[in-house]
């Protein structure tokens, strides 16, 4: 009787506890949990964007609609007046992206080779803004221990592109908090293994009914090398308002909406 009880107990101890501390998350599960927390199945956000370089600093306001399940994104610049009306549409499943420029009253299709180009003169790329690449589906994930990053104990996850994935980065390092898997930092490496950009996420607070990093700051390493220690160039995005998991009409993700006057 005691032997049978010990056997059952030993067997139960090998089963992961889904809601306890004994459950060891895989690298993919950590990424999925982070993405779901920050983006939800859908997200509607109002964002303030500050772009700072050696010559000037400018601020824009943008509204974005993101359907993570359908893999569709739409974004529109609201301010300042000279930039207002610029719109961006991405349909990932069809590998299609468009930019509508109100100055010429015409939409332009963005070729996949242009996804790494700067978005509106910022440190973010076209790919960053419309989330063209799926870090969950386009990369392999390896858990490489833990590290203290920006004052948080973080999982360190190395992501390499799958052979057939149409992505712009050769490697990503992803740092997520051990406590809740929220992202703290991302490092972007080119095809030659050189670190090109660093994204830090901070200002963790309750927004839209959940805790998220409300501030995202991207720096481009090449700029910093060129300017030395004389200053800092960056692009900062601050979420001012956000709603999660609300139904977004399909009409939002359409060429008609992109071209509306």
C-alpha atoms as a PDB file:
ATOM      1  CA  UNK A   1       0.000   0.000   0.000  1.00  0.00           C
ATOM      2  CA  UNK A   2       2.763   2.442   0.978  1.00  0.00           C
ATOM      3  CA  UNK A   3       4.763   1.452  -2.097  1.00  0.00           C
ATOM      4  CA  UNK A   4       1.785   2.136  -4.368  1.00  0.00           C
ATOM      5  CA  UNK A   5       1.217   5.509  -2.705  1.00  0.00           C
ATOM      6  CA  UNK A   6       4.850   6.477  -3.187  1.00  0.00           C
ATOM      7  CA  UNK A   7       4.666   5.498  -6.867  1.00  0.00           C
ATOM      8  CA  UNK A   8       1.573   7.673  -7.451  1.00  0.00           C
ATOM      9  CA  UNK A   9       3.166  10.595  -5.589  1.00  0.00           C
ATOM     10  CA  UNK A  10       6.349  10.331  -7.626  1.00  0.00           C
ATOM     11  CA  UNK A  11       4.336  10.241 -10.848  1.00  0.00           C
ATOM     12  CA  UNK A  12       2.370  13.342  -9.902  1.00  0.00           C
ATOM     13  CA  UNK A  13       5.575  15.219  -9.147  1.00  0.00           C
ATOM     14  CA  UNK A  14       6.660  14.824 -12.775  1.00  0.00           C
ATOM     15  CA  UNK A  15       3.509  16.555 -14.094  1.00  0.00           C
ATOM     16  CA  UNK A  16       3.964  20.329 -14.714  1.00  0.00           C
ATOM     17  CA  UNK A  17       1.889  22.552 -12.444  1.00  0.00           C
ATOM     18  CA  UNK A  18       0.178  24.937 -14.849  1.00  0.00           C
ATOM     19  CA  UNK A  19      -0.569  27.527 -12.201  1.00  0.00           C
ATOM     20  CA  UNK A  20       2.335  26.987  -9.823  1.00  0.00           C
ATOM     21  CA  UNK A  21       5.952  27.905  -9.608  1.00  0.00           C
ATOM     22  CA  UNK A  22       7.052  24.412 -10.596  1.00  0.00           C
ATOM     23  CA  UNK A  23       5.879  24.868 -14.170  1.00  0.00           C
ATOM     24  CA  UNK A  24       8.909  25.522 -16.377  1.00  0.00           C
ATOM     25  CA  UNK A  25       7.911  27.691 -19.326  1.00  0.00           C
ATOM     26  CA  UNK A  26       9.500  27.051 -22.698  1.00  0.00           C
ATOM     27  CA  UNK A  27      11.058  29.919 -24.658  1.00  0.00           C
ATOM     28  CA  UNK A  28       8.133  29.935 -27.092  1.00  0.00           C
ATOM     29  CA  UNK A  29       5.618  30.013 -24.251  1.00  0.00           C
ATOM     30  CA  UNK A  30       7.382  33.002 -22.692  1.00  0.00           C
ATOM     31  CA  UNK A  31       7.280  34.904 -26.004  1.00  0.00           C
ATOM     32  CA  UNK A  32       3.629  34.014 -26.561  1.00  0.00           C
ATOM     33  CA  UNK A  33       2.701  35.115 -23.037  1.00  0.00           C
ATOM     34  CA  UNK A  34       4.560  38.401 -23.527  1.00  0.00           C
ATOM     35  CA  UNK A  35       2.950  39.112 -26.895  1.00  0.00           C
ATOM     36  CA  UNK A  36      -0.510  38.265 -25.603  1.00  0.00           C
ATOM     37  CA  UNK A  37      -0.041  40.555 -22.601  1.00  0.00           C
ATOM     38  CA  UNK A  38       1.304  43.524 -24.568  1.00  0.00           C
ATOM     39  CA  UNK A  39      -0.826  43.221 -27.727  1.00  0.00           C
ATOM     40  CA  UNK A  40      -3.777  41.014 -26.796  1.00  0.00           C
ATOM     41  CA  UNK A  41      -5.745  39.358 -29.572  1.00  0.00           C
ATOM     42  CA  UNK A  42      -6.468  42.890 -30.760  1.00  0.00           C
ATOM     43  CA  UNK A  43      -5.339  46.335 -29.710  1.00  0.00           C
ATOM     44  CA  UNK A  44      -6.410  49.918 -30.364  1.00  0.00           C
ATOM     45  CA  UNK A  45      -3.842  52.418 -29.106  1.00  0.00           C
ATOM     46  CA  UNK A  46      -3.129  56.140 -29.030  1.00  0.00           C
ATOM     47  CA  UNK A  47       0.614  56.715 -29.067  1.00  0.00           C
ATOM     48  CA  UNK A  48       2.878  59.750 -28.734  1.00  0.00           C
ATOM     49  CA  UNK A  49       6.134  59.456 -30.670  1.00  0.00           C
ATOM     50  CA  UNK A  50       9.220  61.582 -29.986  1.00  0.00           C
ATOM     51  CA  UNK A  51      12.081  61.507 -32.478  1.00  0.00           C
ATOM     52  CA  UNK A  52      15.352  63.093 -31.311  1.00  0.00           C
ATOM     53  CA  UNK A  53      18.518  63.521 -33.342  1.00  0.00           C
ATOM     54  CA  UNK A  54      21.468  65.905 -33.294  1.00  0.00           C
ATOM     55  CA  UNK A  55      19.642  68.656 -35.172  1.00  0.00           C
ATOM     56  CA  UNK A  56      16.049  68.563 -33.979  1.00  0.00           C
ATOM     57  CA  UNK A  57      13.378  66.938 -31.862  1.00  0.00           C
ATOM     58  CA  UNK A  58       9.841  66.419 -33.080  1.00  0.00           C
ATOM     59  CA  UNK A  59       6.730  64.796 -31.690  1.00  0.00           C
ATOM     60  CA  UNK A  60       3.897  63.017 -33.464  1.00  0.00           C
ATOM     61  CA  UNK A  61       0.638  61.447 -32.347  1.00  0.00           C
ATOM     62  CA  UNK A  62      -0.527  58.210 -33.910  1.00  0.00           C
ATOM     63  CA  UNK A  63      -3.512  55.895 -33.583  1.00  0.00           C
ATOM     64  CA  UNK A  64      -3.062  52.226 -34.384  1.00  0.00           C
ATOM     65  CA  UNK A  65      -5.312  49.220 -34.836  1.00  0.00           C
ATOM     66  CA  UNK A  66      -3.789  45.755 -34.541  1.00  0.00           C
ATOM     67  CA  UNK A  67      -5.523  42.407 -35.040  1.00  0.00           C
ATOM     68  CA  UNK A  68      -2.952  39.884 -33.887  1.00  0.00           C
ATOM     69  CA  UNK A  69      -5.147  36.886 -34.757  1.00  0.00           C
ATOM     70  CA  UNK A  70      -5.917  38.025 -38.312  1.00  0.00           C
ATOM     71  CA  UNK A  71      -2.378  39.438 -38.671  1.00  0.00           C
ATOM     72  CA  UNK A  72      -3.546  42.821 -39.896  1.00  0.00           C
ATOM     73  CA  UNK A  73      -2.412  46.271 -38.754  1.00  0.00           C
ATOM     74  CA  UNK A  74      -3.402  49.831 -39.546  1.00  0.00           C
ATOM     75  CA  UNK A  75      -1.870  53.083 -38.304  1.00  0.00           C
ATOM     76  CA  UNK A  76      -2.627  56.772 -38.893  1.00  0.00           C
ATOM     77  CA  UNK A  77      -0.681  59.905 -37.960  1.00  0.00           C
ATOM     78  CA  UNK A  78      -2.956  62.432 -36.218  1.00  0.00           C
ATOM     79  CA  UNK A  79      -0.505  65.269 -35.468  1.00  0.00           C
ATOM     80  CA  UNK A  80       1.318  67.511 -36.216  1.00  0.00           C
ATOM     81  CA  UNK A  81      -0.667  68.964 -39.072  1.00  0.00           C
ATOM     82  CA  UNK A  82       2.110  68.536 -41.649  1.00  0.00           C
ATOM     83  CA  UNK A  83       2.235  64.775 -40.994  1.00  0.00           C
ATOM     84  CA  UNK A  84      -1.445  64.148 -40.247  1.00  0.00           C
ATOM     85  CA  UNK A  85      -3.200  61.799 -42.633  1.00  0.00           C
ATOM     86  CA  UNK A  86      -0.227  59.546 -43.354  1.00  0.00           C
ATOM     87  CA  UNK A  87      -1.596  56.021 -43.061  1.00  0.00           C
ATOM     88  CA  UNK A  88      -0.081  52.554 -43.088  1.00  0.00           C
ATOM     89  CA  UNK A  89      -1.779  49.237 -43.801  1.00  0.00           C
ATOM     90  CA  UNK A  90      -0.281  45.773 -43.409  1.00  0.00           C
ATOM     91  CA  UNK A  91      -1.826  42.419 -44.262  1.00  0.00           C
ATOM     92  CA  UNK A  92       0.807  39.952 -43.143  1.00  0.00           C
ATOM     93  CA  UNK A  93      -0.799  36.818 -44.583  1.00  0.00           C
ATOM     94  CA  UNK A  94      -0.531  38.327 -48.071  1.00  0.00           C
ATOM     95  CA  UNK A  95       2.868  39.976 -47.419  1.00  0.00           C
ATOM     96  CA  UNK A  96       1.397  43.334 -48.397  1.00  0.00           C
ATOM     97  CA  UNK A  97       2.044  46.807 -46.985  1.00  0.00           C
ATOM     98  CA  UNK A  98       0.881  50.210 -48.191  1.00  0.00           C
ATOM     99  CA  UNK A  99       1.586  53.812 -47.233  1.00  0.00           C
ATOM    100  CA  UNK A 100      -0.916  56.544 -48.074  1.00  0.00           C
ATOM    101  CA  UNK A 101       0.672  59.995 -48.442  1.00  0.00           C
ATOM    102  CA  UNK A 102      -1.924  62.805 -48.176  1.00  0.00           C
ATOM    103  CA  UNK A 103       0.405  65.330 -49.842  1.00  0.00           C
ATOM    104  CA  UNK A 104       0.165  63.479 -53.145  1.00  0.00           C
ATOM    105  CA  UNK A 105      -3.211  61.849 -52.463  1.00  0.00           C
ATOM    106  CA  UNK A 106      -1.917  58.440 -53.409  1.00  0.00           C
ATOM    107  CA  UNK A 107      -1.119  55.114 -51.799  1.00  0.00           C
ATOM    108  CA  UNK A 108       2.253  53.465 -52.342  1.00  0.00           C
ATOM    109  CA  UNK A 109       2.941  49.773 -52.051  1.00  0.00           C
ATOM    110  CA  UNK A 110       5.986  49.082 -49.903  1.00  0.00           C
ATOM    111  CA  UNK A 111       8.192  46.325 -51.246  1.00  0.00           C
ATOM    112  CA  UNK A 112       9.435  43.692 -48.750  1.00  0.00           C
ATOM    113  CA  UNK A 113      13.001  44.922 -49.338  1.00  0.00           C
ATOM    114  CA  UNK A 114      11.958  48.288 -47.850  1.00  0.00           C
ATOM    115  CA  UNK A 115      10.738  46.859 -44.537  1.00  0.00           C
ATOM    116  CA  UNK A 116      14.077  47.645 -42.876  1.00  0.00           C
ATOM    117  CA  UNK A 117      13.941  51.307 -43.905  1.00  0.00           C
ATOM    118  CA  UNK A 118      13.253  54.043 -41.375  1.00  0.00           C
ATOM    119  CA  UNK A 119       9.621  54.815 -40.618  1.00  0.00           C
ATOM    120  CA  UNK A 120       8.883  58.567 -40.809  1.00  0.00           C
ATOM    121  CA  UNK A 121      12.521  59.400 -40.074  1.00  0.00           C
ATOM    122  CA  UNK A 122      12.503  57.496 -36.776  1.00  0.00           C
ATOM    123  CA  UNK A 123      14.644  54.699 -35.325  1.00  0.00           C
ATOM    124  CA  UNK A 124      11.751  52.304 -35.894  1.00  0.00           C
ATOM    125  CA  UNK A 125      11.462  50.518 -39.227  1.00  0.00           C
ATOM    126  CA  UNK A 126       8.400  49.887 -41.358  1.00  0.00           C
ATOM    127  CA  UNK A 127       8.531  46.343 -40.030  1.00  0.00           C
ATOM    128  CA  UNK A 128       8.425  47.563 -36.414  1.00  0.00           C
ATOM    129  CA  UNK A 129       5.402  49.802 -36.929  1.00  0.00           C
ATOM    130  CA  UNK A 130       3.115  47.363 -38.690  1.00  0.00           C
ATOM    131  CA  UNK A 131       4.466  44.232 -36.974  1.00  0.00           C
ATOM    132  CA  UNK A 132       5.059  42.492 -40.301  1.00  0.00           C
ATOM    133  CA  UNK A 133       7.357  39.883 -38.817  1.00  0.00           C
ATOM    134  CA  UNK A 134       5.898  37.432 -36.346  1.00  0.00           C
ATOM    135  CA  UNK A 135       8.497  36.747 -33.682  1.00  0.00           C
ATOM    136  CA  UNK A 136       6.392  33.785 -32.642  1.00  0.00           C
ATOM    137  CA  UNK A 137       6.066  32.110 -36.037  1.00  0.00           C
ATOM    138  CA  UNK A 138       9.074  33.298 -38.048  1.00  0.00           C
ATOM    139  CA  UNK A 139      11.799  32.471 -35.531  1.00  0.00           C
ATOM    140  CA  UNK A 140      13.056  29.544 -33.491  1.00  0.00           C
ATOM    141  CA  UNK A 141      13.326  30.193 -29.743  1.00  0.00           C
ATOM    142  CA  UNK A 142      15.986  29.062 -27.289  1.00  0.00           C
ATOM    143  CA  UNK A 143      15.980  29.810 -23.574  1.00  0.00           C
ATOM    144  CA  UNK A 144      19.524  30.835 -22.608  1.00  0.00           C
ATOM    145  CA  UNK A 145      19.270  31.323 -18.865  1.00  0.00           C
ATOM    146  CA  UNK A 146      18.478  34.423 -16.835  1.00  0.00           C
ATOM    147  CA  UNK A 147      20.030  37.861 -16.495  1.00  0.00           C
ATOM    148  CA  UNK A 148      19.385  41.076 -14.574  1.00  0.00           C
ATOM    149  CA  UNK A 149      18.293  43.685 -17.119  1.00  0.00           C
ATOM    150  CA  UNK A 150      17.207  47.242 -16.278  1.00  0.00           C
ATOM    151  CA  UNK A 151      16.708  46.167 -12.664  1.00  0.00           C
ATOM    152  CA  UNK A 152      14.521  43.145 -13.519  1.00  0.00           C
ATOM    153  CA  UNK A 153      15.365  39.454 -13.361  1.00  0.00           C
ATOM    154  CA  UNK A 154      14.766  38.356 -16.931  1.00  0.00           C
ATOM    155  CA  UNK A 155      14.668  35.279 -19.091  1.00  0.00           C
ATOM    156  CA  UNK A 156      17.146  35.500 -21.967  1.00  0.00           C
ATOM    157  CA  UNK A 157      15.729  34.149 -25.222  1.00  0.00           C
ATOM    158  CA  UNK A 158      17.696  33.824 -28.463  1.00  0.00           C
ATOM    159  CA  UNK A 159      15.625  33.900 -31.637  1.00  0.00           C
ATOM    160  CA  UNK A 160      16.949  32.828 -35.028  1.00  0.00           C
ATOM    161  CA  UNK A 161      14.958  33.131 -38.273  1.00  0.00           C
ATOM    162  CA  UNK A 162      13.527  29.979 -39.777  1.00  0.00           C
ATOM    163  CA  UNK A 163      15.039  29.072 -43.191  1.00  0.00           C
ATOM    164  CA  UNK A 164      11.951  30.098 -45.180  1.00  0.00           C
ATOM    165  CA  UNK A 165      10.994  33.147 -43.101  1.00  0.00           C
ATOM    166  CA  UNK A 166      10.937  36.511 -44.870  1.00  0.00           C
ATOM    167  CA  UNK A 167      12.435  38.531 -42.014  1.00  0.00           C
ATOM    168  CA  UNK A 168      14.908  41.382 -41.861  1.00  0.00           C
ATOM    169  CA  UNK A 169      16.970  40.407 -38.803  1.00  0.00           C
ATOM    170  CA  UNK A 170      19.610  37.710 -38.496  1.00  0.00           C
ATOM    171  CA  UNK A 171      19.101  37.274 -34.743  1.00  0.00           C
ATOM    172  CA  UNK A 172      17.034  38.712 -31.916  1.00  0.00           C
ATOM    173  CA  UNK A 173      17.760  38.636 -28.198  1.00  0.00           C
ATOM    174  CA  UNK A 174      14.599  38.975 -26.131  1.00  0.00           C
ATOM    175  CA  UNK A 175      14.602  39.733 -22.395  1.00  0.00           C
ATOM    176  CA  UNK A 176      11.364  39.093 -20.488  1.00  0.00           C
ATOM    177  CA  UNK A 177      10.688  39.490 -16.773  1.00  0.00           C
ATOM    178  CA  UNK A 178      10.679  36.228 -14.850  1.00  0.00           C
ATOM    179  CA  UNK A 179       7.812  37.479 -12.667  1.00  0.00           C
ATOM    180  CA  UNK A 180       5.251  37.986 -15.461  1.00  0.00           C
ATOM    181  CA  UNK A 181       7.065  37.469 -18.808  1.00  0.00           C
ATOM    182  CA  UNK A 182       6.605  41.106 -19.816  1.00  0.00           C
ATOM    183  CA  UNK A 183       9.323  42.279 -22.255  1.00  0.00           C
ATOM    184  CA  UNK A 184      12.060  44.550 -20.905  1.00  0.00           C
ATOM    185  CA  UNK A 185      14.558  44.721 -23.752  1.00  0.00           C
ATOM    186  CA  UNK A 186      15.147  43.504 -27.307  1.00  0.00           C
ATOM    187  CA  UNK A 187      18.398  43.475 -29.275  1.00  0.00           C
ATOM    188  CA  UNK A 188      18.389  43.364 -33.070  1.00  0.00           C
ATOM    189  CA  UNK A 189      21.310  41.833 -34.972  1.00  0.00           C
ATOM    190  CA  UNK A 190      21.903  41.885 -38.724  1.00  0.00           C
ATOM    191  CA  UNK A 191      22.719  38.894 -40.914  1.00  0.00           C
ATOM    192  CA  UNK A 192      26.419  39.242 -39.987  1.00  0.00           C
ATOM    193  CA  UNK A 193      25.781  39.082 -36.253  1.00  0.00           C
ATOM    194  CA  UNK A 194      26.350  42.803 -35.617  1.00  0.00           C
ATOM    195  CA  UNK A 195      24.145  44.516 -33.053  1.00  0.00           C
ATOM    196  CA  UNK A 196      22.270  47.272 -34.893  1.00  0.00           C
ATOM    197  CA  UNK A 197      19.428  48.423 -32.645  1.00  0.00           C
ATOM    198  CA  UNK A 198      18.280  48.173 -29.035  1.00  0.00           C
ATOM    199  CA  UNK A 199      14.705  48.524 -27.795  1.00  0.00           C
ATOM    200  CA  UNK A 200      14.066  49.110 -24.096  1.00  0.00           C
ATOM    201  CA  UNK A 201      10.602  48.866 -22.561  1.00  0.00           C
ATOM    202  CA  UNK A 202       9.766  50.609 -19.307  1.00  0.00           C
ATOM    203  CA  UNK A 203       7.137  52.519 -17.326  1.00  0.00           C
ATOM    204  CA  UNK A 204       5.243  49.360 -16.393  1.00  0.00           C
ATOM    205  CA  UNK A 205       1.733  50.312 -15.302  1.00  0.00           C
ATOM    206  CA  UNK A 206      -1.906  49.331 -15.523  1.00  0.00           C
ATOM    207  CA  UNK A 207      -3.444  50.348 -18.835  1.00  0.00           C
ATOM    208  CA  UNK A 208      -6.500  48.898 -20.507  1.00  0.00           C
ATOM    209  CA  UNK A 209      -7.062  46.595 -17.543  1.00  0.00           C
ATOM    210  CA  UNK A 210      -3.599  45.022 -17.549  1.00  0.00           C
ATOM    211  CA  UNK A 211       0.000  45.871 -16.676  1.00  0.00           C
ATOM    212  CA  UNK A 212       2.088  46.694 -19.732  1.00  0.00           C
ATOM    213  CA  UNK A 213       5.270  48.637 -20.541  1.00  0.00           C
ATOM    214  CA  UNK A 214       3.856  52.015 -21.569  1.00  0.00           C
ATOM    215  CA  UNK A 215       7.148  53.405 -22.893  1.00  0.00           C
ATOM    216  CA  UNK A 216       9.292  51.974 -25.703  1.00  0.00           C
ATOM    217  CA  UNK A 217      12.632  53.540 -26.624  1.00  0.00           C
ATOM    218  CA  UNK A 218      14.576  52.521 -29.719  1.00  0.00           C
ATOM    219  CA  UNK A 219      18.168  53.521 -30.416  1.00  0.00           C
ATOM    220  CA  UNK A 220      20.229  52.820 -33.530  1.00  0.00           C
ATOM    221  CA  UNK A 221      23.781  51.835 -32.631  1.00  0.00           C
ATOM    222  CA  UNK A 222      25.398  53.289 -35.757  1.00  0.00           C
ATOM    223  CA  UNK A 223      24.204  56.775 -34.850  1.00  0.00           C
ATOM    224  CA  UNK A 224      25.658  56.473 -31.372  1.00  0.00           C
ATOM    225  CA  UNK A 225      29.031  55.386 -32.711  1.00  0.00           C
ATOM    226  CA  UNK A 226      29.135  58.340 -35.096  1.00  0.00           C
ATOM    227  CA  UNK A 227      28.301  60.938 -32.450  1.00  0.00           C
ATOM    228  CA  UNK A 228      30.380  59.450 -29.645  1.00  0.00           C
ATOM    229  CA  UNK A 229      29.501  60.726 -26.203  1.00  0.00           C
ATOM    230  CA  UNK A 230      28.192  64.131 -27.307  1.00  0.00           C
ATOM    231  CA  UNK A 231      24.514  63.285 -27.101  1.00  0.00           C
ATOM    232  CA  UNK A 232      21.808  60.724 -27.584  1.00  0.00           C
ATOM    233  CA  UNK A 233      19.557  60.017 -30.539  1.00  0.00           C
ATOM    234  CA  UNK A 234      16.477  57.914 -30.095  1.00  0.00           C
ATOM    235  CA  UNK A 235      12.829  57.386 -30.874  1.00  0.00           C
ATOM    236  CA  UNK A 236      10.474  57.058 -27.926  1.00  0.00           C
ATOM    237  CA  UNK A 237       6.908  55.772 -28.121  1.00  0.00           C
ATOM    238  CA  UNK A 238       4.576  56.377 -25.203  1.00  0.00           C
ATOM    239  CA  UNK A 239       1.187  54.702 -25.046  1.00  0.00           C
ATOM    240  CA  UNK A 240      -1.341  57.312 -23.930  1.00  0.00           C
ATOM    241  CA  UNK A 241      -4.452  55.168 -24.182  1.00  0.00           C
ATOM    242  CA  UNK A 242      -5.091  51.554 -25.133  1.00  0.00           C
ATOM    243  CA  UNK A 243      -7.955  49.091 -25.430  1.00  0.00           C
ATOM    244  CA  UNK A 244      -7.515  45.340 -25.723  1.00  0.00           C
ATOM    245  CA  UNK A 245      -9.540  42.550 -27.312  1.00  0.00           C
ATOM    246  CA  UNK A 246     -12.217  44.805 -28.796  1.00  0.00           C
ATOM    247  CA  UNK A 247     -13.752  43.829 -32.096  1.00  0.00           C
ATOM    248  CA  UNK A 248     -12.217  45.831 -34.942  1.00  0.00           C
ATOM    249  CA  UNK A 249     -14.312  46.003 -38.137  1.00  0.00           C
ATOM    250  CA  UNK A 250     -12.662  44.433 -41.181  1.00  0.00           C
ATOM    251  CA  UNK A 251     -13.261  47.724 -43.006  1.00  0.00           C
ATOM    252  CA  UNK A 252     -10.445  49.291 -40.938  1.00  0.00           C
ATOM    253  CA  UNK A 253      -7.943  47.016 -42.688  1.00  0.00           C
ATOM    254  CA  UNK A 254      -8.908  47.988 -46.235  1.00  0.00           C
ATOM    255  CA  UNK A 255      -7.549  50.043 -49.110  1.00  0.00           C
ATOM    256  CA  UNK A 256     -10.733  52.109 -48.997  1.00  0.00           C
ATOM    257  CA  UNK A 257      -9.946  53.158 -45.432  1.00  0.00           C
ATOM    258  CA  UNK A 258      -6.323  53.766 -46.365  1.00  0.00           C
ATOM    259  CA  UNK A 259      -7.263  56.137 -49.210  1.00  0.00           C
ATOM    260  CA  UNK A 260     -10.208  57.950 -47.590  1.00  0.00           C
ATOM    261  CA  UNK A 261      -9.984  61.748 -47.663  1.00  0.00           C
END
